[in-house]
Every structure is written in structure tokens, then in C-alpha cells.
Amino acid sequence: MNRIILLEGLPGTGKTTNSYRLFEQLVRNGRDVRWLHEVSQPHPTLFFSESCLTKEEYRLFTEKYPEAAGMVGSIAEVRSATVG
């Protein structure tokens, strides 16, 4: 199972430093991890330009999480083969 850990805060508060220290500790513990800086491309949280679901994945998502379907549907960008 994949997981994503996001650190957020004001500039200069140590997000990069602390996230990299967390990355190093996870590696030392034998975890298979990737560290991505906020300006890395492609970035997994750039939902509208890079992240998308197939139409079937989107349908399954909205069935599994009906409480989120309305909000996600109001901002979703439906393309020919994907939904972003």
C-alpha cells in the first residue's frame, strides 16, 4: 500500500530539512521511499495538471467515497479518457 506524507508550513520553517530527515530515517528502517521537493516535476499533488484517474477509477472512487463525490465532481476536469 502506498502512502504520501506532506509537510506544510511557511517558508523557512524547516519543511525541506525535516522531510529529508524523515526520508533518511525511513531508508535506515528499510522502507522503500521517495523524497520529492515541492517543486519536483512531476509532483504527485499537482492534481489538475498531472494526476488523473481513468473514467473507471473515477467511477469506483465516487462509489467508494460518496460523501466526497459532490465536491470532487464540482472541480473534476473530464477529459476523453481520464478525469483530473
N, C-alpha and C. Protein backbone atom coordinates (compact mmCIF):
# COMPACT_ATOMS: atom_id res chain seq x y z
N MET A 1 0.85 -1.17 0.00
CA MET A 1 0.00 0.00 0.00
C MET A 1 0.90 1.24 0.00
N ASN A 2 0.60 2.18 -0.87
CA ASN A 2 1.34 3.43 -0.94
C ASN A 2 0.80 4.44 0.04
N ARG A 3 1.68 5.28 0.51
CA ARG A 3 1.29 6.37 1.40
C ARG A 3 2.06 7.61 0.97
N ILE A 4 1.50 8.76 1.26
CA ILE A 4 2.19 10.02 0.99
C ILE A 4 2.17 10.84 2.29
N ILE A 5 3.31 11.41 2.61
CA ILE A 5 3.42 12.27 3.79
C ILE A 5 3.75 13.66 3.28
N LEU A 6 2.93 14.62 3.63
CA LEU A 6 3.13 16.01 3.21
C LEU A 6 3.47 16.86 4.43
N LEU A 7 4.46 17.71 4.30
CA LEU A 7 4.78 18.68 5.34
C LEU A 7 4.48 20.05 4.76
N GLU A 8 3.76 20.85 5.49
CA GLU A 8 3.46 22.18 5.01
C GLU A 8 3.75 23.20 6.08
N GLY A 9 3.96 24.41 5.66
CA GLY A 9 4.27 25.49 6.58
C GLY A 9 4.82 26.68 5.84
N LEU A 10 5.11 27.72 6.58
CA LEU A 10 5.63 28.95 6.00
C LEU A 10 7.05 28.76 5.50
N PRO A 11 7.49 29.59 4.53
CA PRO A 11 8.87 29.49 4.05
C PRO A 11 9.86 29.67 5.19
N GLY A 12 10.90 28.85 5.17
CA GLY A 12 11.96 28.98 6.15
C GLY A 12 11.70 28.29 7.47
N THR A 13 10.63 27.50 7.57
CA THR A 13 10.31 26.87 8.86
C THR A 13 10.87 25.46 9.00
N GLY A 14 11.61 24.98 8.00
CA GLY A 14 12.27 23.68 8.12
C GLY A 14 11.58 22.51 7.45
N LYS A 15 10.66 22.78 6.55
CA LYS A 15 9.94 21.68 5.88
C LYS A 15 10.90 20.79 5.10
N THR A 16 11.76 21.38 4.30
CA THR A 16 12.70 20.60 3.50
C THR A 16 13.65 19.82 4.39
N THR A 17 14.22 20.49 5.37
CA THR A 17 15.16 19.84 6.28
C THR A 17 14.51 18.68 7.01
N ASN A 18 13.36 18.91 7.61
CA ASN A 18 12.70 17.87 8.38
C ASN A 18 12.16 16.74 7.52
N SER A 19 11.66 17.06 6.34
CA SER A 19 11.15 16.00 5.48
C SER A 19 12.29 15.12 4.98
N TYR A 20 13.45 15.72 4.73
CA TYR A 20 14.59 14.91 4.29
C TYR A 20 15.11 14.04 5.44
N ARG A 21 15.09 14.57 6.65
CA ARG A 21 15.49 13.76 7.81
C ARG A 21 14.54 12.58 8.00
N LEU A 22 13.26 12.82 7.80
CA LEU A 22 12.28 11.74 7.88
C LEU A 22 12.57 10.69 6.80
N PHE A 23 12.85 11.15 5.60
CA PHE A 23 13.20 10.26 4.48
C PHE A 23 14.40 9.39 4.86
N GLU A 24 15.45 10.02 5.37
CA GLU A 24 16.66 9.27 5.74
C GLU A 24 16.36 8.21 6.81
N GLN A 25 15.52 8.56 7.78
CA GLN A 25 15.18 7.60 8.83
C GLN A 25 14.39 6.43 8.27
N LEU A 26 13.46 6.72 7.38
CA LEU A 26 12.68 5.65 6.77
C LEU A 26 13.58 4.72 5.95
N VAL A 27 14.56 5.28 5.24
CA VAL A 27 15.51 4.46 4.49
C VAL A 27 16.31 3.59 5.45
N ARG A 28 16.80 4.18 6.55
CA ARG A 28 17.55 3.40 7.55
C ARG A 28 16.71 2.26 8.12
N ASN A 29 15.40 2.46 8.19
CA ASN A 29 14.50 1.43 8.70
C ASN A 29 14.09 0.42 7.62
N GLY A 30 14.69 0.53 6.45
CA GLY A 30 14.44 -0.44 5.40
C GLY A 30 13.20 -0.19 4.56
N ARG A 31 12.63 0.99 4.65
CA ARG A 31 11.44 1.31 3.86
C ARG A 31 11.83 1.70 2.44
N ASP A 32 10.98 1.36 1.50
CA ASP A 32 11.14 1.77 0.10
C ASP A 32 10.44 3.11 -0.06
N VAL A 33 11.20 4.20 -0.05
CA VAL A 33 10.61 5.54 -0.05
C VAL A 33 11.22 6.40 -1.14
N ARG A 34 10.48 7.44 -1.49
CA ARG A 34 10.96 8.50 -2.39
C ARG A 34 10.77 9.82 -1.69
N TRP A 35 11.70 10.72 -1.88
CA TRP A 35 11.59 12.07 -1.33
C TRP A 35 11.42 13.02 -2.50
N LEU A 36 10.39 13.85 -2.45
CA LEU A 36 10.12 14.81 -3.52
C LEU A 36 10.06 16.21 -2.94
N HIS A 37 10.84 17.10 -3.51
CA HIS A 37 10.76 18.51 -3.12
C HIS A 37 9.49 19.10 -3.73
N GLU A 38 8.99 20.16 -3.12
CA GLU A 38 7.72 20.72 -3.58
C GLU A 38 7.74 21.21 -5.03
N VAL A 39 8.92 21.49 -5.58
CA VAL A 39 8.97 21.94 -6.97
C VAL A 39 9.39 20.83 -7.93
N SER A 40 9.46 19.59 -7.43
CA SER A 40 9.80 18.45 -8.28
C SER A 40 8.74 18.27 -9.36
N GLN A 41 9.18 17.84 -10.52
CA GLN A 41 8.26 17.58 -11.60
C GLN A 41 8.48 16.16 -12.11
N PRO A 42 7.49 15.34 -12.30
CA PRO A 42 6.10 15.61 -11.95
C PRO A 42 5.90 15.44 -10.45
N HIS A 43 4.99 16.18 -9.90
CA HIS A 43 4.71 16.12 -8.47
C HIS A 43 3.35 15.46 -8.25
N PRO A 44 3.25 14.53 -7.29
CA PRO A 44 2.00 13.77 -7.14
C PRO A 44 0.81 14.58 -6.67
N THR A 45 1.01 15.78 -6.16
CA THR A 45 -0.14 16.55 -5.68
C THR A 45 -0.60 17.60 -6.68
N LEU A 46 0.00 17.65 -7.85
CA LEU A 46 -0.45 18.61 -8.87
C LEU A 46 -1.62 17.97 -9.61
N PHE A 47 -2.74 17.92 -8.91
CA PHE A 47 -3.90 17.15 -9.35
C PHE A 47 -4.38 17.53 -10.75
N PHE A 48 -4.53 18.81 -11.03
CA PHE A 48 -5.17 19.20 -12.28
C PHE A 48 -4.27 19.06 -13.49
N SER A 49 -2.95 19.17 -13.30
CA SER A 49 -2.10 19.10 -14.48
C SER A 49 -1.44 17.75 -14.66
N GLU A 50 -1.29 16.97 -13.58
CA GLU A 50 -0.53 15.74 -13.72
C GLU A 50 -1.22 14.50 -13.17
N SER A 51 -2.03 14.64 -12.15
CA SER A 51 -2.69 13.48 -11.57
C SER A 51 -4.05 13.29 -12.21
N CYS A 52 -4.38 12.05 -12.47
CA CYS A 52 -5.69 11.79 -13.05
C CYS A 52 -6.07 10.34 -12.81
N LEU A 53 -7.33 10.07 -12.98
CA LEU A 53 -7.88 8.73 -12.88
C LEU A 53 -8.48 8.36 -14.21
N THR A 54 -8.49 7.07 -14.51
CA THR A 54 -9.27 6.66 -15.68
C THR A 54 -10.74 6.89 -15.31
N LYS A 55 -11.59 6.90 -16.30
CA LYS A 55 -13.00 7.10 -16.00
C LYS A 55 -13.55 5.99 -15.10
N GLU A 56 -13.07 4.76 -15.29
CA GLU A 56 -13.50 3.66 -14.44
C GLU A 56 -12.98 3.85 -13.01
N GLU A 57 -11.72 4.27 -12.84
CA GLU A 57 -11.19 4.54 -11.50
C GLU A 57 -11.98 5.65 -10.81
N TYR A 58 -12.34 6.68 -11.58
CA TYR A 58 -13.13 7.77 -11.02
C TYR A 58 -14.51 7.28 -10.57
N ARG A 59 -15.14 6.45 -11.39
CA ARG A 59 -16.45 5.89 -11.03
C ARG A 59 -16.34 5.08 -9.74
N LEU A 60 -15.32 4.23 -9.65
CA LEU A 60 -15.12 3.42 -8.45
C LEU A 60 -14.83 4.29 -7.23
N PHE A 61 -14.05 5.35 -7.42
CA PHE A 61 -13.74 6.28 -6.33
C PHE A 61 -15.03 6.92 -5.79
N THR A 62 -15.86 7.41 -6.69
CA THR A 62 -17.09 8.07 -6.24
C THR A 62 -18.08 7.10 -5.60
N GLU A 63 -18.04 5.83 -6.02
CA GLU A 63 -18.87 4.82 -5.36
C GLU A 63 -18.35 4.52 -3.95
N LYS A 64 -17.03 4.45 -3.82
CA LYS A 64 -16.44 4.13 -2.53
C LYS A 64 -16.54 5.29 -1.55
N TYR A 65 -16.46 6.53 -2.06
CA TYR A 65 -16.48 7.71 -1.21
C TYR A 65 -17.61 8.65 -1.65
N PRO A 66 -18.86 8.22 -1.48
CA PRO A 66 -19.98 9.05 -1.96
C PRO A 66 -20.05 10.41 -1.28
N GLU A 67 -19.54 10.51 -0.04
CA GLU A 67 -19.56 11.80 0.66
C GLU A 67 -18.64 12.82 -0.01
N ALA A 68 -17.66 12.36 -0.77
CA ALA A 68 -16.75 13.28 -1.46
C ALA A 68 -17.13 13.48 -2.92
N ALA A 69 -18.02 12.67 -3.43
CA ALA A 69 -18.35 12.69 -4.85
C ALA A 69 -18.83 14.06 -5.33
N GLY A 70 -19.68 14.72 -4.56
CA GLY A 70 -20.20 16.02 -4.98
C GLY A 70 -19.12 17.07 -5.09
N MET A 71 -18.25 17.15 -4.08
CA MET A 71 -17.18 18.14 -4.09
C MET A 71 -16.19 17.85 -5.20
N VAL A 72 -15.78 16.59 -5.32
CA VAL A 72 -14.82 16.23 -6.36
C VAL A 72 -15.44 16.45 -7.74
N GLY A 73 -16.69 16.07 -7.89
CA GLY A 73 -17.37 16.26 -9.18
C GLY A 73 -17.47 17.71 -9.59
N SER A 74 -17.58 18.60 -8.61
CA SER A 74 -17.71 20.02 -8.94
C SER A 74 -16.41 20.64 -9.45
N ILE A 75 -15.27 19.99 -9.16
CA ILE A 75 -13.99 20.54 -9.63
C ILE A 75 -13.29 19.64 -10.63
N ALA A 76 -13.84 18.46 -10.89
CA ALA A 76 -13.21 17.50 -11.79
C ALA A 76 -13.17 18.03 -13.22
N GLU A 77 -12.10 17.69 -13.90
CA GLU A 77 -11.95 18.02 -15.31
C GLU A 77 -12.07 16.72 -16.09
N VAL A 78 -13.18 16.53 -16.77
CA VAL A 78 -13.42 15.29 -17.52
C VAL A 78 -12.77 15.44 -18.89
N ARG A 79 -11.88 14.51 -19.20
CA ARG A 79 -11.18 14.50 -20.48
C ARG A 79 -11.68 13.32 -21.29
N SER A 80 -11.12 13.08 -22.45
CA SER A 80 -11.60 11.98 -23.28
C SER A 80 -11.41 10.62 -22.64
N ALA A 81 -10.29 10.39 -21.95
CA ALA A 81 -10.05 9.07 -21.35
C ALA A 81 -9.82 9.14 -19.84
N THR A 82 -9.66 10.32 -19.29
CA THR A 82 -9.34 10.45 -17.87
C THR A 82 -10.16 11.55 -17.20
N VAL A 83 -10.09 11.55 -15.87
CA VAL A 83 -10.70 12.61 -15.08
C VAL A 83 -9.61 13.17 -14.16
N GLY A 84 -9.42 14.48 -14.22
CA GLY A 84 -8.38 15.11 -13.40
C GLY A 84 -9.01 16.05 -12.42
